[in-house]
Amino acid sequence: MKTEFREENQNYVMTFEGRLDTPSSQQVGRDMRALYDCEGHDIILDCTNLEYITSSGLRLFLELLKVAKRKGSKCTLVGLRDDIYAVFDEVGFINLFEIRPAL
């Protein structure tokens, strides 16, 4: 699993590439810590190249969303593949996150 963090147009953007499964979730969780200091910045999670996600990956996204909301920031998912979208829909996350097509 590969992640990349950047600041773009006053937003924090993180891209995900590969499989976000239980073994990779610890490192991805550490990588996502950069997003937690988001006050004054909205967060964009670019999932265009996310191939797979497990419950441990979903938990990371939910924890980030909670932090962002407490700090007045918005958290947007972009580029969800149909199968990943189905997972988010099944667990009810579609109603929690703003979702947009790929960047």
PDB file of N, CA and C in Angstrom:
ATOM      1  N   MET A   1       0.849  -1.184   0.000  1.00  0.00           N
ATOM      2  CA  MET A   1       0.000   0.000   0.000  1.00  0.00           C
ATOM      3  C   MET A   1       0.887   1.237   0.000  1.00  0.00           C
ATOM      4  N   LYS A   2       0.597   2.140  -0.889  1.00  0.00           N
ATOM      5  CA  LYS A   2       1.363   3.377  -0.993  1.00  0.00           C
ATOM      6  C   LYS A   2       0.426   4.559  -0.763  1.00  0.00           C
ATOM      7  N   THR A   3       0.881   5.528   0.018  1.00  0.00           N
ATOM      8  CA  THR A   3       0.124   6.757   0.222  1.00  0.00           C
ATOM      9  C   THR A   3       1.020   7.937  -0.114  1.00  0.00           C
ATOM     10  N   GLU A   4       0.380   9.035  -0.460  1.00  0.00           N
ATOM     11  CA  GLU A   4       1.121  10.270  -0.714  1.00  0.00           C
ATOM     12  C   GLU A   4       0.301  11.430  -0.165  1.00  0.00           C
ATOM     13  N   PHE A   5       0.958  12.293   0.595  1.00  0.00           N
ATOM     14  CA  PHE A   5       0.313  13.459   1.195  1.00  0.00           C
ATOM     15  C   PHE A   5       0.833  14.717   0.510  1.00  0.00           C
ATOM     16  N   ARG A   6      -0.091  15.639   0.247  1.00  0.00           N
ATOM     17  CA  ARG A   6       0.318  16.941  -0.290  1.00  0.00           C
ATOM     18  C   ARG A   6      -0.715  17.988   0.117  1.00  0.00           C
ATOM     19  N   GLU A   7      -0.291  19.231   0.080  1.00  0.00           N
ATOM     20  CA  GLU A   7      -1.193  20.348   0.308  1.00  0.00           C
ATOM     21  C   GLU A   7      -1.487  20.967  -1.055  1.00  0.00           C
ATOM     22  N   GLU A   8      -2.773  21.176  -1.337  1.00  0.00           N
ATOM     23  CA  GLU A   8      -3.167  21.678  -2.652  1.00  0.00           C
ATOM     24  C   GLU A   8      -4.375  22.595  -2.493  1.00  0.00           C
ATOM     25  N   ASN A   9      -4.242  23.845  -2.895  1.00  0.00           N
ATOM     26  CA  ASN A   9      -5.350  24.809  -2.835  1.00  0.00           C
ATOM     27  C   ASN A   9      -5.993  24.867  -1.448  1.00  0.00           C
ATOM     28  N   GLN A  10      -5.190  24.980  -0.430  1.00  0.00           N
ATOM     29  CA  GLN A  10      -5.656  25.058   0.954  1.00  0.00           C
ATOM     30  C   GLN A  10      -6.298  23.770   1.459  1.00  0.00           C
ATOM     31  N   ASN A  11      -6.204  22.687   0.689  1.00  0.00           N
ATOM     32  CA  ASN A  11      -6.720  21.390   1.109  1.00  0.00           C
ATOM     33  C   ASN A  11      -5.560  20.455   1.412  1.00  0.00           C
ATOM     34  N   TYR A  12      -5.813  19.501   2.296  1.00  0.00           N
ATOM     35  CA  TYR A  12      -4.880  18.398   2.499  1.00  0.00           C
ATOM     36  C   TYR A  12      -5.375  17.247   1.634  1.00  0.00           C
ATOM     37  N   VAL A  13      -4.492  16.715   0.812  1.00  0.00           N
ATOM     38  CA  VAL A  13      -4.851  15.641  -0.106  1.00  0.00           C
ATOM     39  C   VAL A  13      -3.977  14.433   0.199  1.00  0.00           C
ATOM     40  N   MET A  14      -4.606  13.267   0.334  1.00  0.00           N
ATOM     41  CA  MET A  14      -3.860  12.024   0.452  1.00  0.00           C
ATOM     42  C   MET A  14      -4.357  11.072  -0.616  1.00  0.00           C
ATOM     43  N   THR A  15      -3.404  10.505  -1.360  1.00  0.00           N
ATOM     44  CA  THR A  15      -3.743   9.514  -2.370  1.00  0.00           C
ATOM     45  C   THR A  15      -3.393   8.126  -1.841  1.00  0.00           C
ATOM     46  N   PHE A  16      -4.189   7.170  -2.249  1.00  0.00           N
ATOM     47  CA  PHE A  16      -4.013   5.780  -1.833  1.00  0.00           C
ATOM     48  C   PHE A  16      -3.823   4.927  -3.078  1.00  0.00           C
ATOM     49  N   GLU A  17      -2.845   4.026  -3.022  1.00  0.00           N
ATOM     50  CA  GLU A  17      -2.585   3.137  -4.143  1.00  0.00           C
ATOM     51  C   GLU A  17      -2.341   1.734  -3.605  1.00  0.00           C
ATOM     52  N   GLY A  18      -3.181   0.798  -4.033  1.00  0.00           N
ATOM     53  CA  GLY A  18      -3.008  -0.586  -3.611  1.00  0.00           C
ATOM     54  C   GLY A  18      -4.140  -1.059  -2.724  1.00  0.00           C
ATOM     55  N   ARG A  19      -3.812  -2.012  -1.859  1.00  0.00           N
ATOM     56  CA  ARG A  19      -4.790  -2.665  -0.998  1.00  0.00           C
ATOM     57  C   ARG A  19      -4.669  -2.154   0.431  1.00  0.00           C
ATOM     58  N   LEU A  20      -5.733  -1.599   0.944  1.00  0.00           N
ATOM     59  CA  LEU A  20      -5.769  -1.128   2.335  1.00  0.00           C
ATOM     60  C   LEU A  20      -6.400  -2.233   3.171  1.00  0.00           C
ATOM     61  N   ASP A  21      -5.547  -3.162   3.596  1.00  0.00           N
ATOM     62  CA  ASP A  21      -6.005  -4.309   4.362  1.00  0.00           C
ATOM     63  C   ASP A  21      -5.409  -4.258   5.766  1.00  0.00           C
ATOM     64  N   THR A  22      -5.654  -5.277   6.540  1.00  0.00           N
ATOM     65  CA  THR A  22      -5.200  -5.291   7.933  1.00  0.00           C
ATOM     66  C   THR A  22      -3.684  -5.137   8.048  1.00  0.00           C
ATOM     67  N   PRO A  23      -2.878  -5.884   7.285  1.00  0.00           N
ATOM     68  CA  PRO A  23      -1.430  -5.708   7.417  1.00  0.00           C
ATOM     69  C   PRO A  23      -0.942  -4.289   7.077  1.00  0.00           C
ATOM     70  N   SER A  24      -1.550  -3.644   6.097  1.00  0.00           N
ATOM     71  CA  SER A  24      -1.085  -2.311   5.688  1.00  0.00           C
ATOM     72  C   SER A  24      -1.702  -1.191   6.524  1.00  0.00           C
ATOM     73  N   SER A  25      -2.738  -1.477   7.287  1.00  0.00           N
ATOM     74  CA  SER A  25      -3.478  -0.408   7.972  1.00  0.00           C
ATOM     75  C   SER A  25      -2.658   0.309   9.043  1.00  0.00           C
ATOM     76  N   GLN A  26      -1.724  -0.374   9.689  1.00  0.00           N
ATOM     77  CA  GLN A  26      -0.918   0.316  10.703  1.00  0.00           C
ATOM     78  C   GLN A  26      -0.064   1.408  10.082  1.00  0.00           C
ATOM     79  N   GLN A  27       0.604   1.098   8.979  1.00  0.00           N
ATOM     80  CA  GLN A  27       1.436   2.108   8.319  1.00  0.00           C
ATOM     81  C   GLN A  27       0.574   3.216   7.738  1.00  0.00           C
ATOM     82  N   VAL A  28      -0.534   2.864   7.125  1.00  0.00           N
ATOM     83  CA  VAL A  28      -1.419   3.875   6.550  1.00  0.00           C
ATOM     84  C   VAL A  28      -1.958   4.780   7.653  1.00  0.00           C
ATOM     85  N   GLY A  29      -2.282   4.213   8.801  1.00  0.00           N
ATOM     86  CA  GLY A  29      -2.730   5.016   9.943  1.00  0.00           C
ATOM     87  C   GLY A  29      -1.677   6.032  10.361  1.00  0.00           C
ATOM     88  N   ARG A  30      -0.422   5.614  10.370  1.00  0.00           N
ATOM     89  CA  ARG A  30       0.666   6.555  10.695  1.00  0.00           C
ATOM     90  C   ARG A  30       0.773   7.633   9.614  1.00  0.00           C
ATOM     91  N   ASP A  31       0.643   7.227   8.347  1.00  0.00           N
ATOM     92  CA  ASP A  31       0.713   8.191   7.248  1.00  0.00           C
ATOM     93  C   ASP A  31      -0.424   9.215   7.344  1.00  0.00           C
ATOM     94  N   MET A  32      -1.600   8.765   7.750  1.00  0.00           N
ATOM     95  CA  MET A  32      -2.768   9.636   7.814  1.00  0.00           C
ATOM     96  C   MET A  32      -2.694  10.637   8.967  1.00  0.00           C
ATOM     97  N   ARG A  33      -1.804  10.439   9.907  1.00  0.00           N
ATOM     98  CA  ARG A  33      -1.653  11.382  11.036  1.00  0.00           C
ATOM     99  C   ARG A  33      -1.399  12.799  10.545  1.00  0.00           C
ATOM    100  N   ALA A  34      -0.749  12.938   9.391  1.00  0.00           N
ATOM    101  CA  ALA A  34      -0.490  14.271   8.826  1.00  0.00           C
ATOM    102  C   ALA A  34      -1.796  15.019   8.558  1.00  0.00           C
ATOM    103  N   LEU A  35      -2.876  14.278   8.341  1.00  0.00           N
ATOM    104  CA  LEU A  35      -4.168  14.891   8.047  1.00  0.00           C
ATOM    105  C   LEU A  35      -4.894  15.370   9.308  1.00  0.00           C
ATOM    106  N   TYR A  36      -4.478  14.897  10.458  1.00  0.00           N
ATOM    107  CA  TYR A  36      -5.203  15.197  11.697  1.00  0.00           C
ATOM    108  C   TYR A  36      -5.071  16.655  12.116  1.00  0.00           C
ATOM    109  N   ASP A  37      -4.027  17.337  11.666  1.00  0.00           N
ATOM    110  CA  ASP A  37      -3.847  18.750  11.978  1.00  0.00           C
ATOM    111  C   ASP A  37      -4.488  19.569  10.855  1.00  0.00           C
ATOM    112  N   CYS A  38      -5.791  19.387  10.690  1.00  0.00           N
ATOM    113  CA  CYS A  38      -6.489  19.900   9.506  1.00  0.00           C
ATOM    114  C   CYS A  38      -7.253  21.186   9.744  1.00  0.00           C
ATOM    115  N   GLU A  39      -7.157  21.746  10.924  1.00  0.00           N
ATOM    116  CA  GLU A  39      -7.925  22.963  11.192  1.00  0.00           C
ATOM    117  C   GLU A  39      -7.624  24.014  10.125  1.00  0.00           C
ATOM    118  N   GLY A  40      -8.658  24.507   9.473  1.00  0.00           N
ATOM    119  CA  GLY A  40      -8.489  25.482   8.399  1.00  0.00           C
ATOM    120  C   GLY A  40      -8.261  24.861   7.035  1.00  0.00           C
ATOM    121  N   HIS A  41      -8.255  23.537   6.971  1.00  0.00           N
ATOM    122  CA  HIS A  41      -8.036  22.820   5.720  1.00  0.00           C
ATOM    123  C   HIS A  41      -9.095  21.730   5.573  1.00  0.00           C
ATOM    124  N   ASP A  42      -9.642  21.598   4.391  1.00  0.00           N
ATOM    125  CA  ASP A  42     -10.490  20.450   4.114  1.00  0.00           C
ATOM    126  C   ASP A  42      -9.604  19.305   3.650  1.00  0.00           C
ATOM    127  N   ILE A  43     -10.114  18.089   3.762  1.00  0.00           N
ATOM    128  CA  ILE A  43      -9.347  16.881   3.443  1.00  0.00           C
ATOM    129  C   ILE A  43      -9.957  16.208   2.223  1.00  0.00           C
ATOM    130  N   ILE A  44      -9.096  15.835   1.303  1.00  0.00           N
ATOM    131  CA  ILE A  44      -9.509  15.073   0.135  1.00  0.00           C
ATOM    132  C   ILE A  44      -8.744  13.755   0.155  1.00  0.00           C
ATOM    133  N   LEU A  45      -9.496  12.659   0.154  1.00  0.00           N
ATOM    134  CA  LEU A  45      -8.901  11.328   0.105  1.00  0.00           C
ATOM    135  C   LEU A  45      -9.103  10.794  -1.304  1.00  0.00           C
ATOM    136  N   ASP A  46      -8.016  10.758  -2.067  1.00  0.00           N
ATOM    137  CA  ASP A  46      -8.071  10.326  -3.464  1.00  0.00           C
ATOM    138  C   ASP A  46      -7.934   8.806  -3.518  1.00  0.00           C
ATOM    139  N   CYS A  47      -9.036   8.149  -3.791  1.00  0.00           N
ATOM    140  CA  CYS A  47      -9.110   6.688  -3.789  1.00  0.00           C
ATOM    141  C   CYS A  47      -9.102   6.103  -5.201  1.00  0.00           C
ATOM    142  N   THR A  48      -8.686   6.889  -6.177  1.00  0.00           N
ATOM    143  CA  THR A  48      -8.701   6.454  -7.569  1.00  0.00           C
ATOM    144  C   THR A  48      -7.949   5.148  -7.757  1.00  0.00           C
ATOM    145  N   ASN A  49      -6.835   4.982  -7.065  1.00  0.00           N
ATOM    146  CA  ASN A  49      -6.007   3.776  -7.217  1.00  0.00           C
ATOM    147  C   ASN A  49      -6.093   2.844  -6.015  1.00  0.00           C
ATOM    148  N   LEU A  50      -7.127   3.028  -5.196  1.00  0.00           N
ATOM    149  CA  LEU A  50      -7.374   2.116  -4.082  1.00  0.00           C
ATOM    150  C   LEU A  50      -8.047   0.872  -4.642  1.00  0.00           C
ATOM    151  N   GLU A  51      -7.408  -0.277  -4.481  1.00  0.00           N
ATOM    152  CA  GLU A  51      -7.889  -1.518  -5.090  1.00  0.00           C
ATOM    153  C   GLU A  51      -8.800  -2.324  -4.169  1.00  0.00           C
ATOM    154  N   TYR A  52      -8.646  -2.149  -2.860  1.00  0.00           N
ATOM    155  CA  TYR A  52      -9.348  -3.010  -1.907  1.00  0.00           C
ATOM    156  C   TYR A  52      -9.306  -2.330  -0.544  1.00  0.00           C
ATOM    157  N   ILE A  53     -10.346  -2.527   0.268  1.00  0.00           N
ATOM    158  CA  ILE A  53     -10.356  -1.971   1.612  1.00  0.00           C
ATOM    159  C   ILE A  53     -11.061  -2.945   2.552  1.00  0.00           C
ATOM    160  N   THR A  54     -10.491  -3.133   3.726  1.00  0.00           N
ATOM    161  CA  THR A  54     -11.089  -3.991   4.751  1.00  0.00           C
ATOM    162  C   THR A  54     -11.651  -3.116   5.872  1.00  0.00           C
ATOM    163  N   SER A  55     -12.210  -3.759   6.868  1.00  0.00           N
ATOM    164  CA  SER A  55     -12.788  -3.020   7.992  1.00  0.00           C
ATOM    165  C   SER A  55     -11.737  -2.188   8.721  1.00  0.00           C
ATOM    166  N   SER A  56     -10.497  -2.640   8.770  1.00  0.00           N
ATOM    167  CA  SER A  56      -9.462  -1.840   9.437  1.00  0.00           C
ATOM    168  C   SER A  56      -9.185  -0.561   8.645  1.00  0.00           C
ATOM    169  N   GLY A  57      -9.264  -0.612   7.329  1.00  0.00           N
ATOM    170  CA  GLY A  57      -9.123   0.592   6.507  1.00  0.00           C
ATOM    171  C   GLY A  57     -10.313   1.514   6.664  1.00  0.00           C
ATOM    172  N   LEU A  58     -11.509   0.949   6.696  1.00  0.00           N
ATOM    173  CA  LEU A  58     -12.714   1.751   6.913  1.00  0.00           C
ATOM    174  C   LEU A  58     -12.644   2.478   8.253  1.00  0.00           C
ATOM    175  N   ARG A  59     -12.132   1.802   9.254  1.00  0.00           N
ATOM    176  CA  ARG A  59     -11.995   2.412  10.585  1.00  0.00           C
ATOM    177  C   ARG A  59     -11.078   3.637  10.534  1.00  0.00           C
ATOM    178  N   LEU A  60      -9.986   3.551   9.768  1.00  0.00           N
ATOM    179  CA  LEU A  60      -9.083   4.695   9.629  1.00  0.00           C
ATOM    180  C   LEU A  60      -9.804   5.893   9.004  1.00  0.00           C
ATOM    181  N   PHE A  61     -10.605   5.635   7.984  1.00  0.00           N
ATOM    182  CA  PHE A  61     -11.347   6.713   7.323  1.00  0.00           C
ATOM    183  C   PHE A  61     -12.355   7.339   8.294  1.00  0.00           C
ATOM    184  N   LEU A  62     -13.044   6.509   9.067  1.00  0.00           N
ATOM    185  CA  LEU A  62     -14.039   7.012  10.012  1.00  0.00           C
ATOM    186  C   LEU A  62     -13.384   7.832  11.122  1.00  0.00           C
ATOM    187  N   GLU A  63     -12.252   7.372  11.640  1.00  0.00           N
ATOM    188  CA  GLU A  63     -11.541   8.127  12.678  1.00  0.00           C
ATOM    189  C   GLU A  63     -11.124   9.495  12.151  1.00  0.00           C
ATOM    190  N   LEU A  64     -10.621   9.527  10.928  1.00  0.00           N
ATOM    191  CA  LEU A  64     -10.218  10.795  10.321  1.00  0.00           C
ATOM    192  C   LEU A  64     -11.419  11.722  10.154  1.00  0.00           C
ATOM    193  N   LEU A  65     -12.537  11.179   9.716  1.00  0.00           N
ATOM    194  CA  LEU A  65     -13.744  11.984   9.548  1.00  0.00           C
ATOM    195  C   LEU A  65     -14.159  12.626  10.871  1.00  0.00           C
ATOM    196  N   LYS A  66     -14.099  11.868  11.951  1.00  0.00           N
ATOM    197  CA  LYS A  66     -14.467  12.402  13.270  1.00  0.00           C
ATOM    198  C   LYS A  66     -13.552  13.548  13.675  1.00  0.00           C
ATOM    199  N   VAL A  67     -12.253  13.387  13.456  1.00  0.00           N
ATOM    200  CA  VAL A  67     -11.293  14.448  13.776  1.00  0.00           C
ATOM    201  C   VAL A  67     -11.578  15.678  12.924  1.00  0.00           C
ATOM    202  N   ALA A  68     -11.788  15.475  11.637  1.00  0.00           N
ATOM    203  CA  ALA A  68     -12.027  16.596  10.720  1.00  0.00           C
ATOM    204  C   ALA A  68     -13.273  17.374  11.131  1.00  0.00           C
ATOM    205  N   LYS A  69     -14.335  16.677  11.456  1.00  0.00           N
ATOM    206  CA  LYS A  69     -15.574  17.358  11.846  1.00  0.00           C
ATOM    207  C   LYS A  69     -15.384  18.167  13.125  1.00  0.00           C
ATOM    208  N   ARG A  70     -14.663  17.617  14.082  1.00  0.00           N
ATOM    209  CA  ARG A  70     -14.402  18.349  15.332  1.00  0.00           C
ATOM    210  C   ARG A  70     -13.627  19.637  15.065  1.00  0.00           C
ATOM    211  N   LYS A  71     -12.807  19.635  14.035  1.00  0.00           N
ATOM    212  CA  LYS A  71     -11.983  20.800  13.723  1.00  0.00           C
ATOM    213  C   LYS A  71     -12.628  21.708  12.677  1.00  0.00           C
ATOM    214  N   GLY A  72     -13.871  21.391  12.285  1.00  0.00           N
ATOM    215  CA  GLY A  72     -14.580  22.220  11.322  1.00  0.00           C
ATOM    216  C   GLY A  72     -14.175  21.994   9.887  1.00  0.00           C
ATOM    217  N   SER A  73     -13.553  20.865   9.613  1.00  0.00           N
ATOM    218  CA  SER A  73     -13.100  20.555   8.257  1.00  0.00           C
ATOM    219  C   SER A  73     -14.027  19.537   7.600  1.00  0.00           C
ATOM    220  N   LYS A  74     -14.004  19.543   6.296  1.00  0.00           N
ATOM    221  CA  LYS A  74     -14.801  18.613   5.501  1.00  0.00           C
ATOM    222  C   LYS A  74     -13.875  17.518   4.978  1.00  0.00           C
ATOM    223  N   CYS A  75     -14.405  16.312   4.864  1.00  0.00           N
ATOM    224  CA  CYS A  75     -13.626  15.175   4.373  1.00  0.00           C
ATOM    225  C   CYS A  75     -14.328  14.597   3.144  1.00  0.00           C
ATOM    226  N   THR A  76     -13.650  14.623   2.007  1.00  0.00           N
ATOM    227  CA  THR A  76     -14.233  14.210   0.741  1.00  0.00           C
ATOM    228  C   THR A  76     -13.472  13.019   0.175  1.00  0.00           C
ATOM    229  N   LEU A  77     -14.216  12.043  -0.317  1.00  0.00           N
ATOM    230  CA  LEU A  77     -13.630  10.900  -1.003  1.00  0.00           C
ATOM    231  C   LEU A  77     -13.795  11.119  -2.497  1.00  0.00           C
ATOM    232  N   VAL A  78     -12.728  10.924  -3.243  1.00  0.00           N
ATOM    233  CA  VAL A  78     -12.818  11.079  -4.696  1.00  0.00           C
ATOM    234  C   VAL A  78     -12.314   9.812  -5.381  1.00  0.00           C
ATOM    235  N   GLY A  79     -12.920   9.525  -6.540  1.00  0.00           N
ATOM    236  CA  GLY A  79     -12.441   8.445  -7.388  1.00  0.00           C
ATOM    237  C   GLY A  79     -12.711   7.040  -6.886  1.00  0.00           C
ATOM    238  N   LEU A  80     -13.792   6.836  -6.134  1.00  0.00           N
ATOM    239  CA  LEU A  80     -14.094   5.484  -5.658  1.00  0.00           C
ATOM    240  C   LEU A  80     -14.483   4.578  -6.827  1.00  0.00           C
ATOM    241  N   ARG A  81     -13.810   3.448  -6.942  1.00  0.00           N
ATOM    242  CA  ARG A  81     -14.212   2.430  -7.917  1.00  0.00           C
ATOM    243  C   ARG A  81     -15.559   1.861  -7.493  1.00  0.00           C
ATOM    244  N   ASP A  82     -16.259   1.256  -8.421  1.00  0.00           N
ATOM    245  CA  ASP A  82     -17.592   0.731  -8.129  1.00  0.00           C
ATOM    246  C   ASP A  82     -17.591  -0.266  -6.970  1.00  0.00           C
ATOM    247  N   ASP A  83     -16.606  -1.166  -6.937  1.00  0.00           N
ATOM    248  CA  ASP A  83     -16.575  -2.170  -5.869  1.00  0.00           C
ATOM    249  C   ASP A  83     -16.254  -1.540  -4.511  1.00  0.00           C
ATOM    250  N   ILE A  84     -15.410  -0.524  -4.489  1.00  0.00           N
ATOM    251  CA  ILE A  84     -15.095   0.173  -3.232  1.00  0.00           C
ATOM    252  C   ILE A  84     -16.307   1.005  -2.807  1.00  0.00           C
ATOM    253  N   TYR A  85     -16.955   1.645  -3.752  1.00  0.00           N
ATOM    254  CA  TYR A  85     -18.176   2.401  -3.455  1.00  0.00           C
ATOM    255  C   TYR A  85     -19.211   1.481  -2.819  1.00  0.00           C
ATOM    256  N   ALA A  86     -19.342   0.270  -3.336  1.00  0.00           N
ATOM    257  CA  ALA A  86     -20.308  -0.689  -2.798  1.00  0.00           C
ATOM    258  C   ALA A  86     -20.009  -1.022  -1.339  1.00  0.00           C
ATOM    259  N   VAL A  87     -18.733  -1.132  -0.992  1.00  0.00           N
ATOM    260  CA  VAL A  87     -18.351  -1.398   0.400  1.00  0.00           C
ATOM    261  C   VAL A  87     -18.754  -0.215   1.279  1.00  0.00           C
ATOM    262  N   PHE A  88     -18.435   0.990   0.859  1.00  0.00           N
ATOM    263  CA  PHE A  88     -18.802   2.185   1.624  1.00  0.00           C
ATOM    264  C   PHE A  88     -20.320   2.304   1.763  1.00  0.00           C
ATOM    265  N   ASP A  89     -21.036   1.947   0.703  1.00  0.00           N
ATOM    266  CA  ASP A  89     -22.495   1.995   0.739  1.00  0.00           C
ATOM    267  C   ASP A  89     -23.049   0.958   1.710  1.00  0.00           C
ATOM    268  N   GLU A  90     -22.501  -0.240   1.677  1.00  0.00           N
ATOM    269  CA  GLU A  90     -22.978  -1.339   2.527  1.00  0.00           C
ATOM    270  C   GLU A  90     -22.853  -1.011   4.011  1.00  0.00           C
ATOM    271  N   VAL A  91     -21.793  -0.311   4.391  1.00  0.00           N
ATOM    272  CA  VAL A  91     -21.594   0.014   5.814  1.00  0.00           C
ATOM    273  C   VAL A  91     -22.174   1.377   6.187  1.00  0.00           C
ATOM    274  N   GLY A  92     -22.792   2.065   5.232  1.00  0.00           N
ATOM    275  CA  GLY A  92     -23.451   3.334   5.527  1.00  0.00           C
ATOM    276  C   GLY A  92     -22.552   4.554   5.493  1.00  0.00           C
ATOM    277  N   PHE A  93     -21.330   4.405   5.010  1.00  0.00           N
ATOM    278  CA  PHE A  93     -20.409   5.541   4.974  1.00  0.00           C
ATOM    279  C   PHE A  93     -20.749   6.523   3.868  1.00  0.00           C
ATOM    280  N   ILE A  94     -21.530   6.107   2.891  1.00  0.00           N
ATOM    281  CA  ILE A  94     -21.913   6.990   1.789  1.00  0.00           C
ATOM    282  C   ILE A  94     -22.640   8.217   2.335  1.00  0.00           C
ATOM    283  N   ASN A  95     -23.353   8.029   3.419  1.00  0.00           N
ATOM    284  CA  ASN A  95     -24.101   9.131   4.029  1.00  0.00           C
ATOM    285  C   ASN A  95     -23.231  10.032   4.900  1.00  0.00           C
ATOM    286  N   LEU A  96     -22.021   9.598   5.215  1.00  0.00           N
ATOM    287  CA  LEU A  96     -21.147  10.357   6.108  1.00  0.00           C
ATOM    288  C   LEU A  96     -20.157  11.246   5.358  1.00  0.00           C
ATOM    289  N   PHE A  97     -19.654  10.746   4.248  1.00  0.00           N
ATOM    290  CA  PHE A  97     -18.631  11.441   3.480  1.00  0.00           C
ATOM    291  C   PHE A  97     -19.242  12.131   2.264  1.00  0.00           C
ATOM    292  N   GLU A  98     -18.625  13.227   1.851  1.00  0.00           N
ATOM    293  CA  GLU A  98     -18.942  13.784   0.533  1.00  0.00           C
ATOM    294  C   GLU A  98     -18.168  12.940  -0.464  1.00  0.00           C
ATOM    295  N   ILE A  99     -18.815  12.565  -1.564  1.00  0.00           N
ATOM    296  CA  ILE A  99     -18.163  11.699  -2.559  1.00  0.00           C
ATOM    297  C   ILE A  99     -18.237  12.384  -3.913  1.00  0.00           C
ATOM    298  N   ARG A 100     -17.064  12.408  -4.589  1.00  0.00           N
ATOM    299  CA  ARG A 100     -16.961  13.028  -5.918  1.00  0.00           C
ATOM    300  C   ARG A 100     -16.209  12.097  -6.859  1.00  0.00           C
ATOM    301  N   PRO A 101     -16.370  12.325  -8.178  1.00  0.00           N
ATOM    302  CA  PRO A 101     -15.592  11.549  -9.153  1.00  0.00           C
ATOM    303  C   PRO A 101     -14.095  11.859  -9.020  1.00  0.00           C
ATOM    304  N   ALA A 102     -13.287  11.122  -9.733  1.00  0.00           N
ATOM    305  CA  ALA A 102     -11.822  11.292  -9.697  1.00  0.00           C
ATOM    306  C   ALA A 102     -11.424  12.719 -10.025  1.00  0.00           C
ATOM    307  N   LEU A 103     -10.282  13.131  -9.462  1.00  0.00           N
ATOM    308  CA  LEU A 103      -9.746  14.476  -9.690  1.00  0.00           C
ATOM    309  C   LEU A 103      -9.338  14.659 -11.139  1.00  0.00           C
TER     310      LEU A 103
END
